């Protein structure tokens, strides 16, 4: 099993543990889309407690990657919702799952096709 496949399996298991409504296929595609960043411990996760991290998610993923032009409050609300879904005390908010949840929230799963 390749390292990427191991990461995908880890994320699928984490999604099941957290009760996230994500398909294995969407998780795999989101993981592949993140490229080598999944192997960097800091880049692999999203820190909901760090405002600058959330701004990065909003600017680079929601606005640039998904092409959203929604009001800031809508984008911030979506990010807060995903942070809550993944659990406030959960230290491993994996970016692949985080982005998959955001894509699903805005019905933009096709971005990972």
C-alpha atoms as a PDB file:
ATOM      1  CA  UNK A   1       0.000   0.000   0.000  1.00  0.00           C
ATOM      2  CA  UNK A   2       1.416   3.404  -0.976  1.00  0.00           C
ATOM      3  CA  UNK A   3       1.816   6.240   1.517  1.00  0.00           C
ATOM      4  CA  UNK A   4      -1.003   8.108  -0.215  1.00  0.00           C
ATOM      5  CA  UNK A   5      -3.302   5.095   0.081  1.00  0.00           C
ATOM      6  CA  UNK A   6      -2.409   4.862   3.773  1.00  0.00           C
ATOM      7  CA  UNK A   7      -3.373   8.528   4.243  1.00  0.00           C
ATOM      8  CA  UNK A   8      -6.655   8.010   2.390  1.00  0.00           C
ATOM      9  CA  UNK A   9      -7.439   5.011   4.593  1.00  0.00           C
ATOM     10  CA  UNK A  10      -6.571   7.034   7.714  1.00  0.00           C
ATOM     11  CA  UNK A  11      -8.911   9.842   6.626  1.00  0.00           C
ATOM     12  CA  UNK A  12     -11.730   7.415   5.805  1.00  0.00           C
ATOM     13  CA  UNK A  13     -11.418   5.836   9.252  1.00  0.00           C
ATOM     14  CA  UNK A  14     -11.347   9.281  10.907  1.00  0.00           C
ATOM     15  CA  UNK A  15     -14.477  10.332   8.980  1.00  0.00           C
ATOM     16  CA  UNK A  16     -16.285   7.198  10.165  1.00  0.00           C
ATOM     17  CA  UNK A  17     -15.119   7.768  13.758  1.00  0.00           C
ATOM     18  CA  UNK A  18     -16.424  11.344  13.672  1.00  0.00           C
ATOM     19  CA  UNK A  19     -19.661  10.318  11.947  1.00  0.00           C
ATOM     20  CA  UNK A  20     -19.034  12.580   8.959  1.00  0.00           C
ATOM     21  CA  UNK A  21     -21.325  12.081   5.997  1.00  0.00           C
ATOM     22  CA  UNK A  22     -18.605  11.818   3.349  1.00  0.00           C
ATOM     23  CA  UNK A  23     -18.151   9.173   0.689  1.00  0.00           C
ATOM     24  CA  UNK A  24     -14.869   7.283   0.504  1.00  0.00           C
ATOM     25  CA  UNK A  25     -14.550   8.491  -3.088  1.00  0.00           C
ATOM     26  CA  UNK A  26     -14.852  12.174  -2.107  1.00  0.00           C
ATOM     27  CA  UNK A  27     -12.286  11.708   0.671  1.00  0.00           C
ATOM     28  CA  UNK A  28      -9.877  10.037  -1.760  1.00  0.00           C
ATOM     29  CA  UNK A  29     -10.299  12.770  -4.371  1.00  0.00           C
ATOM     30  CA  UNK A  30      -9.850  15.563  -1.813  1.00  0.00           C
ATOM     31  CA  UNK A  31      -6.721  13.854  -0.493  1.00  0.00           C
ATOM     32  CA  UNK A  32      -5.237  13.482  -3.970  1.00  0.00           C
ATOM     33  CA  UNK A  33      -6.034  17.132  -4.755  1.00  0.00           C
ATOM     34  CA  UNK A  34      -3.988  18.286  -1.758  1.00  0.00           C
ATOM     35  CA  UNK A  35      -0.871  16.669  -3.172  1.00  0.00           C
ATOM     36  CA  UNK A  36       2.277  16.472  -1.045  1.00  0.00           C
ATOM     37  CA  UNK A  37       0.900  18.754   1.681  1.00  0.00           C
ATOM     38  CA  UNK A  38      -0.746  15.695   3.295  1.00  0.00           C
ATOM     39  CA  UNK A  39       2.709  14.485   4.336  1.00  0.00           C
ATOM     40  CA  UNK A  40       3.531  17.676   6.252  1.00  0.00           C
ATOM     41  CA  UNK A  41       2.149  17.419   9.787  1.00  0.00           C
ATOM     42  CA  UNK A  42       1.382  21.147  10.032  1.00  0.00           C
ATOM     43  CA  UNK A  43      -0.154  21.477   6.560  1.00  0.00           C
ATOM     44  CA  UNK A  44      -2.144  18.246   6.928  1.00  0.00           C
ATOM     45  CA  UNK A  45      -4.460  19.700   9.561  1.00  0.00           C
ATOM     46  CA  UNK A  46      -6.597  22.794  10.013  1.00  0.00           C
ATOM     47  CA  UNK A  47      -6.371  24.661  13.322  1.00  0.00           C
ATOM     48  CA  UNK A  48      -9.809  26.132  13.998  1.00  0.00           C
ATOM     49  CA  UNK A  49      -8.408  28.026  16.974  1.00  0.00           C
ATOM     50  CA  UNK A  50      -6.049  30.061  14.778  1.00  0.00           C
ATOM     51  CA  UNK A  51      -7.851  32.940  13.011  1.00  0.00           C
ATOM     52  CA  UNK A  52      -5.106  33.303  10.377  1.00  0.00           C
ATOM     53  CA  UNK A  53      -5.529  29.619   9.455  1.00  0.00           C
ATOM     54  CA  UNK A  54      -9.252  30.125   8.904  1.00  0.00           C
ATOM     55  CA  UNK A  55      -8.600  33.191   6.747  1.00  0.00           C
ATOM     56  CA  UNK A  56      -6.276  31.034   4.623  1.00  0.00           C
ATOM     57  CA  UNK A  57      -8.999  28.393   4.225  1.00  0.00           C
ATOM     58  CA  UNK A  58     -11.501  31.072   3.245  1.00  0.00           C
ATOM     59  CA  UNK A  59      -9.248  32.912   0.800  1.00  0.00           C
ATOM     60  CA  UNK A  60      -7.366  30.022  -0.798  1.00  0.00           C
ATOM     61  CA  UNK A  61      -9.961  27.269  -0.777  1.00  0.00           C
ATOM     62  CA  UNK A  62     -13.427  28.795  -0.669  1.00  0.00           C
ATOM     63  CA  UNK A  63     -12.762  31.851  -2.816  1.00  0.00           C
ATOM     64  CA  UNK A  64      -9.964  30.723  -5.138  1.00  0.00           C
ATOM     65  CA  UNK A  65     -10.489  26.963  -5.489  1.00  0.00           C
ATOM     66  CA  UNK A  66     -14.291  26.821  -5.210  1.00  0.00           C
ATOM     67  CA  UNK A  67     -14.785  30.242  -6.804  1.00  0.00           C
ATOM     68  CA  UNK A  68     -17.288  31.385  -4.183  1.00  0.00           C
ATOM     69  CA  UNK A  69     -18.327  35.029  -4.052  1.00  0.00           C
ATOM     70  CA  UNK A  70     -20.666  34.602  -1.092  1.00  0.00           C
ATOM     71  CA  UNK A  71     -20.721  37.227   1.666  1.00  0.00           C
ATOM     72  CA  UNK A  72     -17.944  36.884   4.256  1.00  0.00           C
ATOM     73  CA  UNK A  73     -20.514  35.965   6.916  1.00  0.00           C
ATOM     74  CA  UNK A  74     -21.711  32.979   4.853  1.00  0.00           C
ATOM     75  CA  UNK A  75     -18.164  31.722   4.318  1.00  0.00           C
ATOM     76  CA  UNK A  76     -17.260  32.232   7.982  1.00  0.00           C
ATOM     77  CA  UNK A  77     -20.422  30.409   9.024  1.00  0.00           C
ATOM     78  CA  UNK A  78     -19.566  27.449   6.787  1.00  0.00           C
ATOM     79  CA  UNK A  79     -16.055  27.228   8.245  1.00  0.00           C
ATOM     80  CA  UNK A  80     -17.433  27.430  11.795  1.00  0.00           C
ATOM     81  CA  UNK A  81     -19.943  24.692  10.971  1.00  0.00           C
ATOM     82  CA  UNK A  82     -17.199  22.374   9.714  1.00  0.00           C
ATOM     83  CA  UNK A  83     -15.040  23.126  12.773  1.00  0.00           C
ATOM     84  CA  UNK A  84     -18.002  22.134  14.945  1.00  0.00           C
ATOM     85  CA  UNK A  85     -18.718  18.987  12.908  1.00  0.00           C
ATOM     86  CA  UNK A  86     -15.138  17.842  13.312  1.00  0.00           C
ATOM     87  CA  UNK A  87     -15.211  18.468  17.068  1.00  0.00           C
ATOM     88  CA  UNK A  88     -13.831  21.338  19.104  1.00  0.00           C
ATOM     89  CA  UNK A  89     -11.517  19.075  21.103  1.00  0.00           C
ATOM     90  CA  UNK A  90     -10.390  17.095  18.048  1.00  0.00           C
ATOM     91  CA  UNK A  91      -6.759  18.041  17.397  1.00  0.00           C
ATOM     92  CA  UNK A  92      -6.666  16.188  14.070  1.00  0.00           C
ATOM     93  CA  UNK A  93      -8.928  18.175  11.814  1.00  0.00           C
ATOM     94  CA  UNK A  94      -7.475  16.733   8.658  1.00  0.00           C
ATOM     95  CA  UNK A  95      -7.446  19.225   5.803  1.00  0.00           C
ATOM     96  CA  UNK A  96      -8.686  16.635   3.278  1.00  0.00           C
ATOM     97  CA  UNK A  97     -11.795  16.013   5.388  1.00  0.00           C
ATOM     98  CA  UNK A  98     -12.197  19.711   6.153  1.00  0.00           C
ATOM     99  CA  UNK A  99     -12.121  20.639   2.462  1.00  0.00           C
ATOM    100  CA  UNK A 100     -14.391  17.736   1.505  1.00  0.00           C
ATOM    101  CA  UNK A 101     -16.954  18.925   4.075  1.00  0.00           C
ATOM    102  CA  UNK A 102     -16.753  22.501   2.786  1.00  0.00           C
ATOM    103  CA  UNK A 103     -17.128  21.352  -0.816  1.00  0.00           C
ATOM    104  CA  UNK A 104     -20.162  19.312   0.189  1.00  0.00           C
ATOM    105  CA  UNK A 105     -21.591  22.234   2.200  1.00  0.00           C
ATOM    106  CA  UNK A 106     -21.569  24.394  -0.919  1.00  0.00           C
ATOM    107  CA  UNK A 107     -22.516  21.501  -3.274  1.00  0.00           C
ATOM    108  CA  UNK A 108     -19.182  21.864  -5.085  1.00  0.00           C
ATOM    109  CA  UNK A 109     -17.962  18.267  -4.762  1.00  0.00           C
ATOM    110  CA  UNK A 110     -17.312  18.264  -8.515  1.00  0.00           C
ATOM    111  CA  UNK A 111     -14.236  20.440  -7.907  1.00  0.00           C
ATOM    112  CA  UNK A 112     -12.407  17.225  -6.944  1.00  0.00           C
ATOM    113  CA  UNK A 113     -13.465  15.336 -10.103  1.00  0.00           C
END
